[in-house]
C-alpha atoms as a PDB file:
ATOM      1  CA  MET A   1      60.506 103.667 139.112  1.00  0.00           C
ATOM      2  CA  GLN A   2      59.054 106.392 137.115  1.00  0.00           C
ATOM      3  CA  MET A   3      59.259 106.318 133.465  1.00  0.00           C
ATOM      4  CA  LEU A   4      57.797 108.405 130.794  1.00  0.00           C
ATOM      5  CA  PHE A   5      57.206 106.760 127.230  1.00  0.00           C
ATOM      6  CA  ILE A   6      56.663 109.419 124.632  1.00  0.00           C
ATOM      7  CA  PHE A   7      55.428 107.815 121.420  1.00  0.00           C
ATOM      8  CA  ILE A   8      55.992 109.970 118.390  1.00  0.00           C
ATOM      9  CA  ASN A   9      53.837 109.704 115.399  1.00  0.00           C
ATOM     10  CA  ALA A  10      54.387 110.468 111.798  1.00  0.00           C
ATOM     11  CA  VAL A  11      57.386 111.435 109.763  1.00  0.00           C
ATOM     12  CA  ILE A  12      58.392 114.788 108.627  1.00  0.00           C
ATOM     13  CA  ILE A  13      60.364 114.871 105.259  1.00  0.00           C
ATOM     14  CA  VAL A  14      63.535 116.701 106.014  1.00  0.00           C
ATOM     15  CA  GLY A  15      66.208 117.801 103.685  1.00  0.00           C
ATOM     16  CA  PHE A  16      69.219 116.472 105.364  1.00  0.00           C
ATOM     17  CA  LEU A  17      70.154 113.220 107.464  1.00  0.00           C
ATOM     18  CA  ILE A  18      72.253 112.893 110.479  1.00  0.00           C
ATOM     19  CA  LEU A  19      75.314 111.161 108.577  1.00  0.00           C
ATOM     20  CA  ILE A  20      75.584 113.827 105.810  1.00  0.00           C
ATOM     21  CA  THR A  21      78.338 116.629 106.097  1.00  0.00           C
ATOM     22  CA  VAL A  22      76.533 119.954 106.759  1.00  0.00           C
ATOM     23  CA  LEU A  23      78.685 123.122 106.027  1.00  0.00           C
ATOM     24  CA  TYR A  24      79.214 125.165 108.955  1.00  0.00           C
ATOM     25  CA  ARG A  25      80.615 128.605 108.450  1.00  0.00           C
ATOM     26  CA  GLY A  26      83.986 129.685 109.789  1.00  0.00           C
ATOM     27  CA  ARG A  27      86.812 127.717 111.262  1.00  0.00           C
ATOM     28  CA  ALA A  28      86.327 125.456 114.109  1.00  0.00           C
ATOM     29  CA  ARG A  29      88.349 126.077 117.301  1.00  0.00           C
ATOM     30  CA  LYS A  30      90.966 123.866 118.382  1.00  0.00           C
ATOM     31  CA  VAL A  31      92.416 123.187 121.901  1.00  0.00           C
ATOM     32  CA  LEU A  32      95.332 120.868 123.277  1.00  0.00           C
ATOM     33  CA  VAL A  33      93.870 117.936 125.363  1.00  0.00           C
ATOM     34  CA  ASP A  34      96.263 115.615 126.707  1.00  0.00           C
ATOM     35  CA  ASP A  35      98.018 113.738 123.508  1.00  0.00           C
ATOM     36  CA  ILE A  36      95.596 115.192 121.079  1.00  0.00           C
ATOM     37  CA  THR A  37      94.216 118.443 119.617  1.00  0.00           C
ATOM     38  CA  ILE A  38      90.285 118.540 119.819  1.00  0.00           C
ATOM     39  CA  ALA A  39      88.409 120.604 117.127  1.00  0.00           C
ATOM     40  CA  TYR A  40      85.232 121.996 118.487  1.00  0.00           C
ATOM     41  CA  ARG A  41      82.440 124.542 117.790  1.00  0.00           C
ATOM     42  CA  GLN A  42      80.145 126.467 120.198  1.00  0.00           C
ATOM     43  CA  TYR A  43      76.723 128.081 119.459  1.00  0.00           C
ATOM     44  CA  GLY A  44      74.180 130.035 121.549  1.00  0.00           C
ATOM     45  CA  SER A  45      74.447 130.826 125.297  1.00  0.00           C
ATOM     46  CA  GLY A  46      73.167 129.520 128.636  1.00  0.00           C
ATOM     47  CA  MET A  47      73.675 126.144 130.387  1.00  0.00           C
ATOM     48  CA  PRO A  48      76.321 124.252 128.192  1.00  0.00           C
ATOM     49  CA  LEU A  49      74.980 121.427 126.225  1.00  0.00           C
ATOM     50  CA  VAL A  50      77.574 118.897 124.965  1.00  0.00           C
ATOM     51  CA  LEU A  51      76.894 116.736 122.084  1.00  0.00           C
ATOM     52  CA  ILE A  52      79.001 113.537 121.388  1.00  0.00           C
ATOM     53  CA  GLY A  53      78.719 112.074 117.843  1.00  0.00           C
ATOM     54  CA  GLY A  54      78.857 108.351 117.117  1.00  0.00           C
ATOM     55  CA  TYR A  55      80.664 105.949 115.124  1.00  0.00           C
ATOM     56  CA  GLY A  56      82.456 107.296 111.847  1.00  0.00           C
ATOM     57  CA  SER A  57      80.939 110.735 112.355  1.00  0.00           C
ATOM     58  CA  THR A  58      82.590 114.177 112.763  1.00  0.00           C
ATOM     59  CA  MET A  59      80.935 117.246 114.479  1.00  0.00           C
ATOM     60  CA  SER A  60      79.046 118.183 111.107  1.00  0.00           C
ATOM     61  CA  VAL A  61      76.816 115.215 111.653  1.00  0.00           C
ATOM     62  CA  TRP A  62      74.710 117.576 113.706  1.00  0.00           C
ATOM     63  CA  GLN A  63      72.313 119.184 111.447  1.00  0.00           C
ATOM     64  CA  ARG A  64      72.219 123.010 111.522  1.00  0.00           C
ATOM     65  CA  SER A  65      68.587 122.841 112.171  1.00  0.00           C
ATOM     66  CA  PHE A  66      69.032 120.787 115.089  1.00  0.00           C
ATOM     67  CA  VAL A  67      71.871 122.637 116.387  1.00  0.00           C
ATOM     68  CA  SER A  68      70.137 125.946 115.968  1.00  0.00           C
ATOM     69  CA  LEU A  69      66.940 124.788 117.797  1.00  0.00           C
ATOM     70  CA  LEU A  70      68.940 123.708 120.935  1.00  0.00           C
ATOM     71  CA  ALA A  71      71.307 126.904 120.587  1.00  0.00           C
ATOM     72  CA  ALA A  72      68.242 129.029 121.037  1.00  0.00           C
ATOM     73  CA  ARG A  73      68.181 128.137 124.748  1.00  0.00           C
ATOM     74  CA  TYR A  74      71.368 126.391 125.510  1.00  0.00           C
ATOM     75  CA  ARG A  75      75.314 126.892 124.794  1.00  0.00           C
ATOM     76  CA  VAL A  76      75.647 124.034 122.417  1.00  0.00           C
ATOM     77  CA  ILE A  77      78.984 122.548 122.016  1.00  0.00           C
ATOM     78  CA  ILE A  78      79.971 120.069 119.178  1.00  0.00           C
ATOM     79  CA  PHE A  79      83.492 118.550 118.568  1.00  0.00           C
ATOM     80  CA  ASP A  80      85.254 115.711 116.698  1.00  0.00           C
ATOM     81  CA  ASN A  81      85.937 112.608 118.536  1.00  0.00           C
ATOM     82  CA  ARG A  82      89.671 111.529 118.794  1.00  0.00           C
ATOM     83  CA  GLY A  83      91.199 110.933 115.095  1.00  0.00           C
ATOM     84  CA  MET A  84      87.917 112.072 113.262  1.00  0.00           C
ATOM     85  CA  GLY A  85      87.657 115.096 111.223  1.00  0.00           C
ATOM     86  CA  GLN A  86      89.914 117.894 112.566  1.00  0.00           C
ATOM     87  CA  SER A  87      90.868 116.180 115.762  1.00  0.00           C
ATOM     88  CA  THR A  88      94.200 114.197 115.824  1.00  0.00           C
ATOM     89  CA  LEU A  89      94.429 110.712 116.695  1.00  0.00           C
ATOM     90  CA  GLY A  90      97.226 110.692 119.215  1.00  0.00           C
ATOM     91  CA  LEU A  91      99.038 107.682 120.502  1.00  0.00           C
ATOM     92  CA  LYS A  92      97.021 106.252 123.209  1.00  0.00           C
ATOM     93  CA  ASP A  93      94.865 103.088 122.846  1.00  0.00           C
ATOM     94  CA  TYR A  94      91.363 103.878 121.190  1.00  0.00           C
ATOM     95  CA  THR A  95      88.734 102.853 123.675  1.00  0.00           C
ATOM     96  CA  VAL A  96      85.294 104.181 124.775  1.00  0.00           C
ATOM     97  CA  GLN A  97      86.709 104.891 128.274  1.00  0.00           C
ATOM     98  CA  GLN A  98      89.463 106.960 126.516  1.00  0.00           C
ATOM     99  CA  CYS A  99      87.003 108.889 124.398  1.00  0.00           C
ATOM    100  CA  ALA A 100      85.188 109.660 127.722  1.00  0.00           C
ATOM    101  CA  GLN A 101      88.361 111.155 129.137  1.00  0.00           C
ATOM    102  CA  ASP A 102      88.960 113.294 125.935  1.00  0.00           C
ATOM    103  CA  THR A 103      85.404 114.695 126.613  1.00  0.00           C
ATOM    104  CA  LYS A 104      86.353 115.623 130.040  1.00  0.00           C
ATOM    105  CA  GLY A 105      89.427 117.161 129.050  1.00  0.00           C
ATOM    106  CA  LEU A 106      87.825 119.324 126.506  1.00  0.00           C
ATOM    107  CA  LEU A 107      85.178 120.458 129.095  1.00  0.00           C
ATOM    108  CA  ASP A 108      88.215 121.270 131.541  1.00  0.00           C
ATOM    109  CA  LYS A 109      89.684 123.307 128.963  1.00  0.00           C
ATOM    110  CA  LEU A 110      86.756 125.199 128.205  1.00  0.00           C
ATOM    111  CA  HIS A 111      86.311 125.876 131.982  1.00  0.00           C
ATOM    112  CA  ILE A 112      83.014 123.974 132.109  1.00  0.00           C
ATOM    113  CA  SER A 113      82.591 122.158 135.504  1.00  0.00           C
ATOM    114  CA  SER A 114      79.066 120.965 134.924  1.00  0.00           C
ATOM    115  CA  ALA A 115      76.961 120.345 131.749  1.00  0.00           C
ATOM    116  CA  TYR A 116      74.134 118.782 129.960  1.00  0.00           C
ATOM    117  CA  VAL A 117      75.542 115.727 127.858  1.00  0.00           C
ATOM    118  CA  PHE A 118      73.801 114.161 124.743  1.00  0.00           C
ATOM    119  CA  GLY A 119      75.622 111.293 123.449  1.00  0.00           C
ATOM    120  CA  TYR A 120      74.375 109.631 120.369  1.00  0.00           C
ATOM    121  CA  SER A 121      75.264 105.801 119.047  1.00  0.00           C
ATOM    122  CA  MET A 122      78.972 105.393 120.083  1.00  0.00           C
ATOM    123  CA  GLY A 123      78.513 108.786 121.638  1.00  0.00           C
ATOM    124  CA  ALA A 124      76.010 107.318 123.948  1.00  0.00           C
ATOM    125  CA  SER A 125      78.513 104.690 125.090  1.00  0.00           C
ATOM    126  CA  ILE A 126      81.173 107.509 125.662  1.00  0.00           C
ATOM    127  CA  ALA A 127      78.743 109.722 127.711  1.00  0.00           C
ATOM    128  CA  GLN A 128      77.690 106.578 129.916  1.00  0.00           C
ATOM    129  CA  GLU A 129      81.381 106.261 130.869  1.00  0.00           C
ATOM    130  CA  LEU A 130      81.692 110.065 131.436  1.00  0.00           C
ATOM    131  CA  VAL A 131      78.832 110.273 133.851  1.00  0.00           C
ATOM    132  CA  LEU A 132      79.833 107.147 135.555  1.00  0.00           C
ATOM    133  CA  LYS A 133      83.513 108.253 136.373  1.00  0.00           C
ATOM    134  CA  TYR A 134      82.645 111.832 136.515  1.00  0.00           C
ATOM    135  CA  PRO A 135      79.128 112.306 137.952  1.00  0.00           C
ATOM    136  CA  ALA A 136      79.625 115.990 139.126  1.00  0.00           C
ATOM    137  CA  MET A 137      80.041 116.989 135.495  1.00  0.00           C
ATOM    138  CA  VAL A 138      76.899 115.882 134.119  1.00  0.00           C
ATOM    139  CA  LYS A 139      73.831 117.560 135.229  1.00  0.00           C
ATOM    140  CA  LYS A 140      71.314 115.783 132.942  1.00  0.00           C
ATOM    141  CA  LEU A 141      72.000 112.712 130.386  1.00  0.00           C
ATOM    142  CA  ILE A 142      70.676 112.176 127.152  1.00  0.00           C
ATOM    143  CA  LEU A 143      71.341 108.884 125.343  1.00  0.00           C
ATOM    144  CA  GLY A 144      70.258 108.382 121.679  1.00  0.00           C
ATOM    145  CA  GLY A 145      70.633 105.026 120.057  1.00  0.00           C
ATOM    146  CA  ALA A 146      72.260 103.657 123.066  1.00  0.00           C
ATOM    147  CA  ASN A 147      73.656 100.545 124.209  1.00  0.00           C
ATOM    148  CA  ALA A 148      74.465  99.229 127.726  1.00  0.00           C
ATOM    149  CA  LEU A 149      75.368  95.614 127.096  1.00  0.00           C
ATOM    150  CA  GLY A 150      78.798  96.221 125.407  1.00  0.00           C
ATOM    151  CA  LYS A 151      80.252  93.955 122.640  1.00  0.00           C
ATOM    152  CA  GLY A 152      77.437  91.138 122.926  1.00  0.00           C
ATOM    153  CA  GLN A 153      74.457  93.367 122.270  1.00  0.00           C
ATOM    154  CA  MET A 154      74.367  93.500 118.366  1.00  0.00           C
ATOM    155  CA  LYS A 155      73.038  90.754 116.157  1.00  0.00           C
ATOM    156  CA  PRO A 156      76.133  89.089 114.340  1.00  0.00           C
ATOM    157  CA  LEU A 157      74.743  90.206 110.834  1.00  0.00           C
ATOM    158  CA  VAL A 158      74.450  93.734 112.102  1.00  0.00           C
ATOM    159  CA  ARG A 159      77.810  93.636 113.801  1.00  0.00           C
ATOM    160  CA  LYS A 160      79.371  92.310 110.559  1.00  0.00           C
ATOM    161  CA  SER A 161      78.003  94.990 108.275  1.00  0.00           C
ATOM    162  CA  LEU A 162      79.327  97.887 110.632  1.00  0.00           C
ATOM    163  CA  ALA A 163      82.715  96.251 110.743  1.00  0.00           C
ATOM    164  CA  ASP A 164      82.714  95.708 106.931  1.00  0.00           C
ATOM    165  CA  LEU A 165      84.893  98.760 105.665  1.00  0.00           C
ATOM    166  CA  SER A 166      85.522  97.164 102.199  1.00  0.00           C
ATOM    167  CA  GLY A 167      84.646  98.303  98.929  1.00  0.00           C
ATOM    168  CA  SER A 168      84.271 101.613  97.265  1.00  0.00           C
ATOM    169  CA  ASN A 169      83.138 104.757  99.188  1.00  0.00           C
ATOM    170  CA  ARG A 170      79.600 104.270  97.340  1.00  0.00           C
ATOM    171  CA  ALA A 171      79.589 100.669  98.475  1.00  0.00           C
ATOM    172  CA  LEU A 172      80.039 101.437 101.908  1.00  0.00           C
ATOM    173  CA  TRP A 173      77.825 104.455 101.855  1.00  0.00           C
ATOM    174  CA  MET A 174      75.001 102.081 100.762  1.00  0.00           C
ATOM    175  CA  ARG A 175      75.544  99.595 103.326  1.00  0.00           C
ATOM    176  CA  LYS A 176      75.519 102.259 106.060  1.00  0.00           C
ATOM    177  CA  LEU A 177      72.430 103.780 104.658  1.00  0.00           C
ATOM    178  CA  LYS A 178      70.650 100.553 104.862  1.00  0.00           C
ATOM    179  CA  LEU A 179      71.697  99.892 108.577  1.00  0.00           C
ATOM    180  CA  ILE A 180      70.692 103.207 109.841  1.00  0.00           C
ATOM    181  CA  PHE A 181      67.305 104.058 107.979  1.00  0.00           C
ATOM    182  CA  PRO A 182      64.182 102.013 107.482  1.00  0.00           C
ATOM    183  CA  GLU A 183      63.738 100.855 103.851  1.00  0.00           C
ATOM    184  CA  LYS A 184      60.377 102.545 103.610  1.00  0.00           C
ATOM    185  CA  TRP A 185      61.895 105.846 104.555  1.00  0.00           C
ATOM    186  CA  LEU A 186      65.015 105.506 102.182  1.00  0.00           C
ATOM    187  CA  LYS A 187      62.711 104.846  99.376  1.00  0.00           C
ATOM    188  CA  GLN A 188      61.051 108.099  99.889  1.00  0.00           C
ATOM    189  CA  HIS A 189      64.570 109.921  99.940  1.00  0.00           C
ATOM    190  CA  THR A 190      66.404 108.378  97.153  1.00  0.00           C
ATOM    191  CA  TYR A 191      68.664 111.500  96.701  1.00  0.00           C
ATOM    192  CA  LEU A 192      70.659 110.256  99.636  1.00  0.00           C
ATOM    193  CA  MET A 193      71.904 107.213  97.413  1.00  0.00           C
ATOM    194  CA  LYS A 194      73.560 109.636  95.113  1.00  0.00           C
ATOM    195  CA  LEU A 195      75.484 111.522  97.567  1.00  0.00           C
ATOM    196  CA  HIS A 196      79.301 111.417  97.557  1.00  0.00           C
ATOM    197  CA  VAL A 197      80.645 110.576 100.967  1.00  0.00           C
ATOM    198  CA  THR A 198      84.146 109.863 102.150  1.00  0.00           C
ATOM    199  CA  PHE A 199      85.156 107.581 105.063  1.00  0.00           C
ATOM    200  CA  ASN A 200      87.943 107.869 107.476  1.00  0.00           C
ATOM    201  CA  ARG A 201      88.554 103.845 107.487  1.00  0.00           C
ATOM    202  CA  HIS A 202      91.614 103.627 109.540  1.00  0.00           C
ATOM    203  CA  VAL A 203      90.001 105.525 112.553  1.00  0.00           C
ATOM    204  CA  MET A 204      86.652 103.899 112.162  1.00  0.00           C
ATOM    205  CA  LYS A 205      88.419 100.423 112.227  1.00  0.00           C
ATOM    206  CA  LYS A 206      89.885 101.580 115.625  1.00  0.00           C
ATOM    207  CA  GLN A 207      86.413 102.721 116.694  1.00  0.00           C
ATOM    208  CA  ILE A 208      84.621  99.336 115.759  1.00  0.00           C
ATOM    209  CA  GLU A 209      87.603  97.786 117.952  1.00  0.00           C
ATOM    210  CA  ALA A 210      86.757 100.135 120.854  1.00  0.00           C
ATOM    211  CA  LEU A 211      83.132  98.996 120.631  1.00  0.00           C
ATOM    212  CA  GLU A 212      83.764  95.328 120.258  1.00  0.00           C
ATOM    213  CA  ASN A 213      85.976  95.565 123.508  1.00  0.00           C
ATOM    214  CA  TRP A 214      83.659  97.554 125.498  1.00  0.00           C
ATOM    215  CA  GLU A 215      82.222  95.739 128.359  1.00  0.00           C
ATOM    216  CA  GLY A 216      79.279  98.202 128.503  1.00  0.00           C
ATOM    217  CA  THR A 217      77.571  99.480 131.796  1.00  0.00           C
ATOM    218  CA  LYS A 218      74.869  96.791 132.245  1.00  0.00           C
ATOM    219  CA  ASN A 219      76.120  96.121 135.938  1.00  0.00           C
ATOM    220  CA  ARG A 220      76.526 100.066 136.316  1.00  0.00           C
ATOM    221  CA  LEU A 221      73.585 101.560 135.261  1.00  0.00           C
ATOM    222  CA  LYS A 222      72.067 101.859 138.949  1.00  0.00           C
ATOM    223  CA  ASN A 223      74.825 104.207 139.562  1.00  0.00           C
ATOM    224  CA  ILE A 224      73.639 106.760 137.071  1.00  0.00           C
ATOM    225  CA  LYS A 225      71.565 109.045 139.501  1.00  0.00           C
ATOM    226  CA  ILE A 226      70.845 112.010 137.293  1.00  0.00           C
ATOM    227  CA  PRO A 227      67.693 112.896 135.225  1.00  0.00           C
ATOM    228  CA  THR A 228      68.163 110.782 131.979  1.00  0.00           C
ATOM    229  CA  LEU A 229      66.283 111.123 128.840  1.00  0.00           C
ATOM    230  CA  LEU A 230      66.565 107.744 126.373  1.00  0.00           C
ATOM    231  CA  LEU A 231      65.845 108.052 122.813  1.00  0.00           C
ATOM    232  CA  VAL A 232      65.130 105.378 120.333  1.00  0.00           C
ATOM    233  CA  GLY A 233      63.762 104.678 116.783  1.00  0.00           C
ATOM    234  CA  GLN A 234      61.263 101.855 116.978  1.00  0.00           C
ATOM    235  CA  GLU A 235      62.745 100.444 113.753  1.00  0.00           C
ATOM    236  CA  ASP A 236      66.567 100.546 114.923  1.00  0.00           C
ATOM    237  CA  ILE A 237      68.174  97.518 114.022  1.00  0.00           C
ATOM    238  CA  VAL A 238      71.676  98.595 115.407  1.00  0.00           C
ATOM    239  CA  THR A 239      70.462  99.473 119.053  1.00  0.00           C
ATOM    240  CA  PRO A 240      66.884  98.099 119.070  1.00  0.00           C
ATOM    241  CA  PRO A 241      64.080  99.649 121.360  1.00  0.00           C
ATOM    242  CA  ALA A 242      64.669  96.718 123.727  1.00  0.00           C
ATOM    243  CA  ASN A 243      68.215  98.235 124.632  1.00  0.00           C
ATOM    244  CA  ALA A 244      66.418 101.415 125.762  1.00  0.00           C
ATOM    245  CA  LEU A 245      64.006  99.656 127.697  1.00  0.00           C
ATOM    246  CA  PHE A 246      66.401  97.357 129.550  1.00  0.00           C
ATOM    247  CA  MET A 247      68.352 100.668 130.258  1.00  0.00           C
ATOM    248  CA  ALA A 248      65.207 102.686 131.495  1.00  0.00           C
ATOM    249  CA  GLN A 249      64.533  99.828 133.945  1.00  0.00           C
ATOM    250  CA  TYR A 250      67.999 100.320 135.797  1.00  0.00           C
ATOM    251  CA  ILE A 251      68.128 104.074 135.658  1.00  0.00           C
ATOM    252  CA  LYS A 252      65.756 105.536 138.202  1.00  0.00           C
ATOM    253  CA  GLY A 253      63.321 108.076 136.855  1.00  0.00           C
ATOM    254  CA  ALA A 254      64.251 107.546 133.168  1.00  0.00           C
ATOM    255  CA  TRP A 255      62.540 109.129 130.339  1.00  0.00           C
ATOM    256  CA  LEU A 256      62.080 106.956 127.351  1.00  0.00           C
ATOM    257  CA  ALA A 257      60.933 108.588 123.891  1.00  0.00           C
ATOM    258  CA  GLN A 258      60.244 106.090 121.139  1.00  0.00           C
ATOM    259  CA  PHE A 259      60.022 107.376 117.710  1.00  0.00           C
ATOM    260  CA  GLU A 260      57.722 105.558 115.236  1.00  0.00           C
ATOM    261  CA  GLU A 261      58.968 104.651 111.637  1.00  0.00           C
ATOM    262  CA  CYS A 262      62.559 105.668 112.683  1.00  0.00           C
ATOM    263  CA  GLY A 263      65.578 103.807 112.656  1.00  0.00           C
ATOM    264  CA  HIS A 264      69.262 104.282 114.131  1.00  0.00           C
ATOM    265  CA  GLY A 265      69.318 107.849 112.290  1.00  0.00           C
ATOM    266  CA  LEU A 266      66.251 109.113 113.946  1.00  0.00           C
ATOM    267  CA  ILE A 267      67.875 112.482 114.339  1.00  0.00           C
ATOM    268  CA  GLY A 268      68.558 112.655 110.726  1.00  0.00           C
ATOM    269  CA  GLN A 269      64.642 111.613 110.146  1.00  0.00           C
ATOM    270  CA  GLU A 270      63.089 113.803 112.962  1.00  0.00           C
ATOM    271  CA  PRO A 271      65.523 116.585 113.991  1.00  0.00           C
ATOM    272  CA  TYR A 272      62.770 118.937 115.115  1.00  0.00           C
ATOM    273  CA  LYS A 273      60.890 116.371 116.876  1.00  0.00           C
ATOM    274  CA  VAL A 274      64.003 115.017 118.795  1.00  0.00           C
ATOM    275  CA  GLY A 275      65.010 118.673 119.458  1.00  0.00           C
ATOM    276  CA  HIS A 276      61.833 119.535 121.089  1.00  0.00           C
ATOM    277  CA  VAL A 277      61.786 116.440 123.088  1.00  0.00           C
ATOM    278  CA  ILE A 278      65.263 117.187 124.327  1.00  0.00           C
ATOM    279  CA  LYS A 279      64.114 120.779 125.224  1.00  0.00           C
ATOM    280  CA  ALA A 280      61.091 119.432 127.079  1.00  0.00           C
ATOM    281  CA  PHE A 281      63.367 117.058 128.963  1.00  0.00           C
ATOM    282  CA  LEU A 282      65.892 119.705 129.873  1.00  0.00           C
ATOM    283  CA  SER A 283      63.296 122.233 130.999  1.00  0.00           C
END
């Protein structure tokens, strides 16, 4: 098995983080996919690169700087998962597999038969299901903050904190910040704690239930036959580096990029470094 470990050093101070809404100019486009309407945006041209967001996020989770870096070479597609942002919830059961089917439906509507796919956090679980069910649709796969072990992979305290949607928006925001970013980094970016953030708790509860009921892909990883890049922060407590190491053992030829001093929100901490690693992999 070939594996490339890329150890990234130092932290570049950035002005935005992955979980903060970034203002994108213009209206999102919308398309009917099965029982829902999916809101999406496209940037750049070239080979399609689809970004699948994670738990509790909308398409605005992707920083402009990160998207712009990738859009200089690829046709970048971002969208709101079922029930989040401007996408409707629909009536179907909320599962990881259904979200993968939604993604496939969006690509069909955009007349995209093959694409690069980057799934982050819950989006990485969705991306795994997509490539395993529709392997011809995914040319190269990128998984960030990924989990293949299913509902049993998280430590009880972390799982409890993720599922806890109680309290004010500020209280919930503070809990999430502590989960996704290292304490040292947060102390250097105290302005984040002053931001006003709102949450779609109804859909987030459905997403948590979907993750808790997901059996994972640990017994199917060997069936991923395409070039795959795994991204993980060395201080990630939600999906620890051990998860990525496990996955790299079973995905033939996988690249593994570990980012020092980064947590689960590594794209928010290191958007440029992550973007350049992705571009190097796709090239």
